[in-house]
Amino acid sequence: MRINGWQRLWLLASILWAVVILALAGVLQSGGGQTVPSVTTALFLTRLWIVPLAAVYGFGLGLAWVRRGFQDELQ
């Protein structure tokens, strides 16, 4: 299976966003001295990572669907 350029861009953005979220989590934990995050913190960070990525990916799929509809109409 090959991925196209948009999917590669989304994959790169998701990795970079994960790095940002993990860096923020590390900064927030270093001040408090807690080494292992609580379950609620881990769940919050996971949601903070996945929700924007899923929204952007879904928006891209929606745009592609609308674009295909206009292309079919023109042919």
PDB file of N, CA and C in Angstrom:
ATOM      1  N   MET A   1       0.845  -1.182   0.000  1.00  0.00           N
ATOM      2  CA  MET A   1       0.000   0.000   0.000  1.00  0.00           C
ATOM      3  C   MET A   1       0.884   1.236   0.000  1.00  0.00           C
ATOM      4  N   ARG A   2       0.619   2.131  -0.902  1.00  0.00           N
ATOM      5  CA  ARG A   2       1.373   3.384  -0.987  1.00  0.00           C
ATOM      6  C   ARG A   2       0.503   4.518  -0.473  1.00  0.00           C
ATOM      7  N   ILE A   3       1.135   5.469   0.183  1.00  0.00           N
ATOM      8  CA  ILE A   3       0.387   6.626   0.661  1.00  0.00           C
ATOM      9  C   ILE A   3       0.719   7.819  -0.222  1.00  0.00           C
ATOM     10  N   ASN A   4      -0.263   8.682  -0.406  1.00  0.00           N
ATOM     11  CA  ASN A   4      -0.051   9.844  -1.259  1.00  0.00           C
ATOM     12  C   ASN A   4       0.570  10.988  -0.453  1.00  0.00           C
ATOM     13  N   GLY A   5       0.797  12.092  -1.101  1.00  0.00           N
ATOM     14  CA  GLY A   5       1.451  13.226  -0.471  1.00  0.00           C
ATOM     15  C   GLY A   5       0.681  13.810   0.692  1.00  0.00           C
ATOM     16  N   TRP A   6      -0.650  13.869   0.580  1.00  0.00           N
ATOM     17  CA  TRP A   6      -1.455  14.419   1.668  1.00  0.00           C
ATOM     18  C   TRP A   6      -1.399  13.529   2.894  1.00  0.00           C
ATOM     19  N   GLN A   7      -1.417  12.220   2.664  1.00  0.00           N
ATOM     20  CA  GLN A   7      -1.331  11.296   3.787  1.00  0.00           C
ATOM     21  C   GLN A   7       0.043  11.372   4.447  1.00  0.00           C
ATOM     22  N   ARG A   8       1.082  11.557   3.657  1.00  0.00           N
ATOM     23  CA  ARG A   8       2.424  11.736   4.216  1.00  0.00           C
ATOM     24  C   ARG A   8       2.499  13.011   5.039  1.00  0.00           C
ATOM     25  N   LEU A   9       1.883  14.077   4.546  1.00  0.00           N
ATOM     26  CA  LEU A   9       1.857  15.328   5.286  1.00  0.00           C
ATOM     27  C   LEU A   9       1.109  15.153   6.606  1.00  0.00           C
ATOM     28  N   TRP A  10      -0.024  14.454   6.587  1.00  0.00           N
ATOM     29  CA  TRP A  10      -0.781  14.206   7.803  1.00  0.00           C
ATOM     30  C   TRP A  10       0.026  13.367   8.782  1.00  0.00           C
ATOM     31  N   LEU A  11       0.741  12.365   8.278  1.00  0.00           N
ATOM     32  CA  LEU A  11       1.568  11.519   9.137  1.00  0.00           C
ATOM     33  C   LEU A  11       2.681  12.332   9.790  1.00  0.00           C
ATOM     34  N   LEU A  12       3.334  13.181   9.016  1.00  0.00           N
ATOM     35  CA  LEU A  12       4.381  14.038   9.561  1.00  0.00           C
ATOM     36  C   LEU A  12       3.813  14.995  10.606  1.00  0.00           C
ATOM     37  N   ALA A  13       2.671  15.590  10.311  1.00  0.00           N
ATOM     38  CA  ALA A  13       2.036  16.508  11.264  1.00  0.00           C
ATOM     39  C   ALA A  13       1.647  15.783  12.549  1.00  0.00           C
ATOM     40  N   SER A  14       1.165  14.549  12.442  1.00  0.00           N
ATOM     41  CA  SER A  14       0.776  13.805  13.644  1.00  0.00           C
ATOM     42  C   SER A  14       1.987  13.464  14.500  1.00  0.00           C
ATOM     43  N   ILE A  15       3.104  13.148  13.876  1.00  0.00           N
ATOM     44  CA  ILE A  15       4.320  12.860  14.633  1.00  0.00           C
ATOM     45  C   ILE A  15       4.835  14.125  15.312  1.00  0.00           C
ATOM     46  N   LEU A  16       4.851  15.226  14.579  1.00  0.00           N
ATOM     47  CA  LEU A  16       5.313  16.486  15.172  1.00  0.00           C
ATOM     48  C   LEU A  16       4.391  16.934  16.305  1.00  0.00           C
ATOM     49  N   TRP A  17       3.089  16.753  16.133  1.00  0.00           N
ATOM     50  CA  TRP A  17       2.136  17.123  17.178  1.00  0.00           C
ATOM     51  C   TRP A  17       2.348  16.247  18.416  1.00  0.00           C
ATOM     52  N   ALA A  18       2.650  14.968  18.216  1.00  0.00           N
ATOM     53  CA  ALA A  18       2.924  14.082  19.349  1.00  0.00           C
ATOM     54  C   ALA A  18       4.166  14.535  20.104  1.00  0.00           C
ATOM     55  N   VAL A  19       5.186  14.973  19.372  1.00  0.00           N
ATOM     56  CA  VAL A  19       6.402  15.475  20.016  1.00  0.00           C
ATOM     57  C   VAL A  19       6.085  16.719  20.852  1.00  0.00           C
ATOM     58  N   VAL A  20       5.280  17.607  20.306  1.00  0.00           N
ATOM     59  CA  VAL A  20       4.902  18.819  21.043  1.00  0.00           C
ATOM     60  C   VAL A  20       4.126  18.460  22.307  1.00  0.00           C
ATOM     61  N   ILE A  21       3.167  17.564  22.195  1.00  0.00           N
ATOM     62  CA  ILE A  21       2.359  17.166  23.350  1.00  0.00           C
ATOM     63  C   ILE A  21       3.229  16.494  24.408  1.00  0.00           C
ATOM     64  N   LEU A  22       4.122  15.606  23.986  1.00  0.00           N
ATOM     65  CA  LEU A  22       4.992  14.936  24.948  1.00  0.00           C
ATOM     66  C   LEU A  22       5.969  15.909  25.592  1.00  0.00           C
ATOM     67  N   ALA A  23       6.441  16.878  24.824  1.00  0.00           N
ATOM     68  CA  ALA A  23       7.333  17.891  25.396  1.00  0.00           C
ATOM     69  C   ALA A  23       6.589  18.738  26.421  1.00  0.00           C
ATOM     70  N   LEU A  24       5.362  19.110  26.110  1.00  0.00           N
ATOM     71  CA  LEU A  24       4.565  19.861  27.077  1.00  0.00           C
ATOM     72  C   LEU A  24       4.296  19.044  28.333  1.00  0.00           C
ATOM     73  N   ALA A  25       4.043  17.778  28.163  1.00  0.00           N
ATOM     74  CA  ALA A  25       3.812  16.917  29.320  1.00  0.00           C
ATOM     75  C   ALA A  25       5.062  16.828  30.179  1.00  0.00           C
ATOM     76  N   GLY A  26       6.222  16.763  29.543  1.00  0.00           N
ATOM     77  CA  GLY A  26       7.468  16.719  30.293  1.00  0.00           C
ATOM     78  C   GLY A  26       7.736  18.007  31.032  1.00  0.00           C
ATOM     79  N   VAL A  27       7.427  19.144  30.401  1.00  0.00           N
ATOM     80  CA  VAL A  27       7.617  20.441  31.048  1.00  0.00           C
ATOM     81  C   VAL A  27       6.678  20.585  32.230  1.00  0.00           C
ATOM     82  N   LEU A  28       5.424  20.154  32.049  1.00  0.00           N
ATOM     83  CA  LEU A  28       4.455  20.260  33.135  1.00  0.00           C
ATOM     84  C   LEU A  28       4.821  19.352  34.306  1.00  0.00           C
ATOM     85  N   GLN A  29       5.377  18.192  34.024  1.00  0.00           N
ATOM     86  CA  GLN A  29       5.731  17.265  35.097  1.00  0.00           C
ATOM     87  C   GLN A  29       7.016  17.667  35.808  1.00  0.00           C
ATOM     88  N   SER A  30       7.948  18.289  35.113  1.00  0.00           N
ATOM     89  CA  SER A  30       9.236  18.601  35.731  1.00  0.00           C
ATOM     90  C   SER A  30       9.085  19.600  36.868  1.00  0.00           C
ATOM     91  N   GLY A  31       8.101  20.468  36.800  1.00  0.00           N
ATOM     92  CA  GLY A  31       7.884  21.431  37.869  1.00  0.00           C
ATOM     93  C   GLY A  31       7.314  20.802  39.123  1.00  0.00           C
ATOM     94  N   GLY A  32       6.481  19.787  38.947  1.00  0.00           N
ATOM     95  CA  GLY A  32       5.826  19.175  40.097  1.00  0.00           C
ATOM     96  C   GLY A  32       6.589  18.013  40.702  1.00  0.00           C
ATOM     97  N   GLY A  33       7.583  17.493  40.023  1.00  0.00           N
ATOM     98  CA  GLY A  33       8.368  16.397  40.542  1.00  0.00           C
ATOM     99  C   GLY A  33       7.732  15.026  40.372  1.00  0.00           C
ATOM    100  N   GLN A  34       6.587  14.940  39.735  1.00  0.00           N
ATOM    101  CA  GLN A  34       5.928  13.655  39.512  1.00  0.00           C
ATOM    102  C   GLN A  34       6.569  12.985  38.299  1.00  0.00           C
ATOM    103  N   THR A  35       7.064  11.759  38.445  1.00  0.00           N
ATOM    104  CA  THR A  35       7.760  11.102  37.342  1.00  0.00           C
ATOM    105  C   THR A  35       6.826  10.259  36.489  1.00  0.00           C
ATOM    106  N   VAL A  36       5.816   9.658  37.084  1.00  0.00           N
ATOM    107  CA  VAL A  36       4.861   8.838  36.331  1.00  0.00           C
ATOM    108  C   VAL A  36       3.541   9.591  36.294  1.00  0.00           C
ATOM    109  N   PRO A  37       3.008   9.862  35.071  1.00  0.00           N
ATOM    110  CA  PRO A  37       1.748  10.606  35.002  1.00  0.00           C
ATOM    111  C   PRO A  37       0.577   9.751  35.487  1.00  0.00           C
ATOM    112  N   SER A  38      -0.423  10.422  36.003  1.00  0.00           N
ATOM    113  CA  SER A  38      -1.628   9.714  36.427  1.00  0.00           C
ATOM    114  C   SER A  38      -2.413   9.266  35.202  1.00  0.00           C
ATOM    115  N   VAL A  39      -3.375   8.414  35.411  1.00  0.00           N
ATOM    116  CA  VAL A  39      -4.188   7.905  34.307  1.00  0.00           C
ATOM    117  C   VAL A  39      -4.981   9.033  33.663  1.00  0.00           C
ATOM    118  N   THR A  40      -5.511   9.936  34.473  1.00  0.00           N
ATOM    119  CA  THR A  40      -6.290  11.039  33.910  1.00  0.00           C
ATOM    120  C   THR A  40      -5.408  11.967  33.083  1.00  0.00           C
ATOM    121  N   THR A  41      -4.175  12.177  33.523  1.00  0.00           N
ATOM    122  CA  THR A  41      -3.252  13.011  32.742  1.00  0.00           C
ATOM    123  C   THR A  41      -2.907  12.337  31.421  1.00  0.00           C
ATOM    124  N   ALA A  42      -2.639  11.040  31.465  1.00  0.00           N
ATOM    125  CA  ALA A  42      -2.316  10.300  30.241  1.00  0.00           C
ATOM    126  C   ALA A  42      -3.502  10.301  29.281  1.00  0.00           C
ATOM    127  N   LEU A  43      -4.702  10.127  29.808  1.00  0.00           N
ATOM    128  CA  LEU A  43      -5.892  10.143  28.957  1.00  0.00           C
ATOM    129  C   LEU A  43      -6.121  11.525  28.362  1.00  0.00           C
ATOM    130  N   PHE A  44      -5.910  12.551  29.159  1.00  0.00           N
ATOM    131  CA  PHE A  44      -6.055  13.920  28.658  1.00  0.00           C
ATOM    132  C   PHE A  44      -5.052  14.204  27.542  1.00  0.00           C
ATOM    133  N   LEU A  45      -3.808  13.790  27.727  1.00  0.00           N
ATOM    134  CA  LEU A  45      -2.790  14.014  26.702  1.00  0.00           C
ATOM    135  C   LEU A  45      -3.094  13.226  25.428  1.00  0.00           C
ATOM    136  N   THR A  46      -3.627  12.021  25.587  1.00  0.00           N
ATOM    137  CA  THR A  46      -4.001  11.230  24.413  1.00  0.00           C
ATOM    138  C   THR A  46      -5.124  11.912  23.644  1.00  0.00           C
ATOM    139  N   ARG A  47      -6.109  12.420  24.370  1.00  0.00           N
ATOM    140  CA  ARG A  47      -7.204  13.135  23.704  1.00  0.00           C
ATOM    141  C   ARG A  47      -6.706  14.424  23.065  1.00  0.00           C
ATOM    142  N   LEU A  48      -5.792  15.102  23.744  1.00  0.00           N
ATOM    143  CA  LEU A  48      -5.231  16.336  23.203  1.00  0.00           C
ATOM    144  C   LEU A  48      -4.445  16.067  21.930  1.00  0.00           C
ATOM    145  N   TRP A  49      -3.919  14.855  21.797  1.00  0.00           N
ATOM    146  CA  TRP A  49      -3.169  14.487  20.601  1.00  0.00           C
ATOM    147  C   TRP A  49      -4.097  14.008  19.489  1.00  0.00           C
ATOM    148  N   ILE A  50      -5.051  13.134  19.816  1.00  0.00           N
ATOM    149  CA  ILE A  50      -5.826  12.456  18.780  1.00  0.00           C
ATOM    150  C   ILE A  50      -6.977  13.281  18.217  1.00  0.00           C
ATOM    151  N   VAL A  51      -7.628  14.094  19.029  1.00  0.00           N
ATOM    152  CA  VAL A  51      -8.823  14.816  18.569  1.00  0.00           C
ATOM    153  C   VAL A  51      -8.495  15.801  17.444  1.00  0.00           C
ATOM    154  N   PRO A  52      -7.477  16.670  17.580  1.00  0.00           N
ATOM    155  CA  PRO A  52      -7.171  17.570  16.461  1.00  0.00           C
ATOM    156  C   PRO A  52      -6.733  16.826  15.201  1.00  0.00           C
ATOM    157  N   LEU A  53      -5.984  15.736  15.368  1.00  0.00           N
ATOM    158  CA  LEU A  53      -5.545  14.983  14.194  1.00  0.00           C
ATOM    159  C   LEU A  53      -6.712  14.321  13.478  1.00  0.00           C
ATOM    160  N   ALA A  54      -7.614  13.739  14.238  1.00  0.00           N
ATOM    161  CA  ALA A  54      -8.787  13.119  13.625  1.00  0.00           C
ATOM    162  C   ALA A  54      -9.657  14.164  12.933  1.00  0.00           C
ATOM    163  N   ALA A  55      -9.771  15.345  13.533  1.00  0.00           N
ATOM    164  CA  ALA A  55     -10.571  16.410  12.923  1.00  0.00           C
ATOM    165  C   ALA A  55      -9.962  16.874  11.603  1.00  0.00           C
ATOM    166  N   VAL A  56      -8.665  17.056  11.589  1.00  0.00           N
ATOM    167  CA  VAL A  56      -7.987  17.500  10.353  1.00  0.00           C
ATOM    168  C   VAL A  56      -8.089  16.423   9.275  1.00  0.00           C
ATOM    169  N   TYR A  57      -7.892  15.164   9.661  1.00  0.00           N
ATOM    170  CA  TYR A  57      -7.984  14.078   8.683  1.00  0.00           C
ATOM    171  C   TYR A  57      -9.410  13.957   8.134  1.00  0.00           C
ATOM    172  N   GLY A  58     -10.395  14.047   9.015  1.00  0.00           N
ATOM    173  CA  GLY A  58     -11.793  13.995   8.574  1.00  0.00           C
ATOM    174  C   GLY A  58     -12.156  15.163   7.671  1.00  0.00           C
ATOM    175  N   PHE A  59     -11.637  16.356   7.997  1.00  0.00           N
ATOM    176  CA  PHE A  59     -11.873  17.525   7.155  1.00  0.00           C
ATOM    177  C   PHE A  59     -11.270  17.315   5.765  1.00  0.00           C
ATOM    178  N   GLY A  60     -10.075  16.737   5.715  1.00  0.00           N
ATOM    179  CA  GLY A  60      -9.435  16.447   4.429  1.00  0.00           C
ATOM    180  C   GLY A  60     -10.219  15.437   3.613  1.00  0.00           C
ATOM    181  N   LEU A  61     -10.721  14.401   4.287  1.00  0.00           N
ATOM    182  CA  LEU A  61     -11.545  13.418   3.580  1.00  0.00           C
ATOM    183  C   LEU A  61     -12.827  14.051   3.052  1.00  0.00           C
ATOM    184  N   GLY A  62     -13.416  14.935   3.833  1.00  0.00           N
ATOM    185  CA  GLY A  62     -14.625  15.626   3.388  1.00  0.00           C
ATOM    186  C   GLY A  62     -14.370  16.512   2.176  1.00  0.00           C
ATOM    187  N   LEU A  63     -13.261  17.236   2.211  1.00  0.00           N
ATOM    188  CA  LEU A  63     -12.911  18.068   1.050  1.00  0.00           C
ATOM    189  C   LEU A  63     -12.669  17.230  -0.198  1.00  0.00           C
ATOM    190  N   ALA A  64     -11.993  16.095  -0.035  1.00  0.00           N
ATOM    191  CA  ALA A  64     -11.749  15.214  -1.186  1.00  0.00           C
ATOM    192  C   ALA A  64     -13.063  14.664  -1.736  1.00  0.00           C
ATOM    193  N   TRP A  65     -13.994  14.344  -0.856  1.00  0.00           N
ATOM    194  CA  TRP A  65     -15.293  13.830  -1.277  1.00  0.00           C
ATOM    195  C   TRP A  65     -16.067  14.881  -2.071  1.00  0.00           C
ATOM    196  N   VAL A  66     -16.072  16.120  -1.589  1.00  0.00           N
ATOM    197  CA  VAL A  66     -16.761  17.202  -2.291  1.00  0.00           C
ATOM    198  C   VAL A  66     -16.091  17.465  -3.634  1.00  0.00           C
ATOM    199  N   ARG A  67     -14.766  17.456  -3.647  1.00  0.00           N
ATOM    200  CA  ARG A  67     -14.036  17.700  -4.897  1.00  0.00           C
ATOM    201  C   ARG A  67     -14.343  16.619  -5.936  1.00  0.00           C
ATOM    202  N   ARG A  68     -14.401  15.362  -5.495  1.00  0.00           N
ATOM    203  CA  ARG A  68     -14.739  14.279  -6.417  1.00  0.00           C
ATOM    204  C   ARG A  68     -16.152  14.456  -6.953  1.00  0.00           C
ATOM    205  N   GLY A  69     -17.049  14.956  -6.145  1.00  0.00           N
ATOM    206  CA  GLY A  69     -18.421  15.194  -6.598  1.00  0.00           C
ATOM    207  C   GLY A  69     -18.491  16.232  -7.691  1.00  0.00           C
ATOM    208  N   PHE A  70     -17.695  17.292  -7.568  1.00  0.00           N
ATOM    209  CA  PHE A  70     -17.681  18.315  -8.617  1.00  0.00           C
ATOM    210  C   PHE A  70     -17.006  17.801  -9.877  1.00  0.00           C
ATOM    211  N   GLN A  71     -15.990  16.962  -9.741  1.00  0.00           N
ATOM    212  CA  GLN A  71     -15.314  16.412 -10.915  1.00  0.00           C
ATOM    213  C   GLN A  71     -16.234  15.479 -11.686  1.00  0.00           C
ATOM    214  N   ASP A  72     -17.023  14.662 -10.978  1.00  0.00           N
ATOM    215  CA  ASP A  72     -17.972  13.778 -11.641  1.00  0.00           C
ATOM    216  C   ASP A  72     -19.041  14.580 -12.375  1.00  0.00           C
ATOM    217  N   GLU A  73     -19.430  15.704 -11.806  1.00  0.00           N
ATOM    218  CA  GLU A  73     -20.468  16.536 -12.397  1.00  0.00           C
ATOM    219  C   GLU A  73     -19.960  17.173 -13.694  1.00  0.00           C
ATOM    220  N   LEU A  74     -18.689  17.532 -13.741  1.00  0.00           N
ATOM    221  CA  LEU A  74     -18.131  18.197 -14.913  1.00  0.00           C
ATOM    222  C   LEU A  74     -17.916  17.233 -16.077  1.00  0.00           C
ATOM    223  N   GLN A  75     -17.750  15.970 -15.811  1.00  0.00           N
ATOM    224  CA  GLN A  75     -17.468  15.009 -16.889  1.00  0.00           C
ATOM    225  C   GLN A  75     -18.680  14.563 -17.568  1.00  0.00           C
TER     226      GLN A  75
END
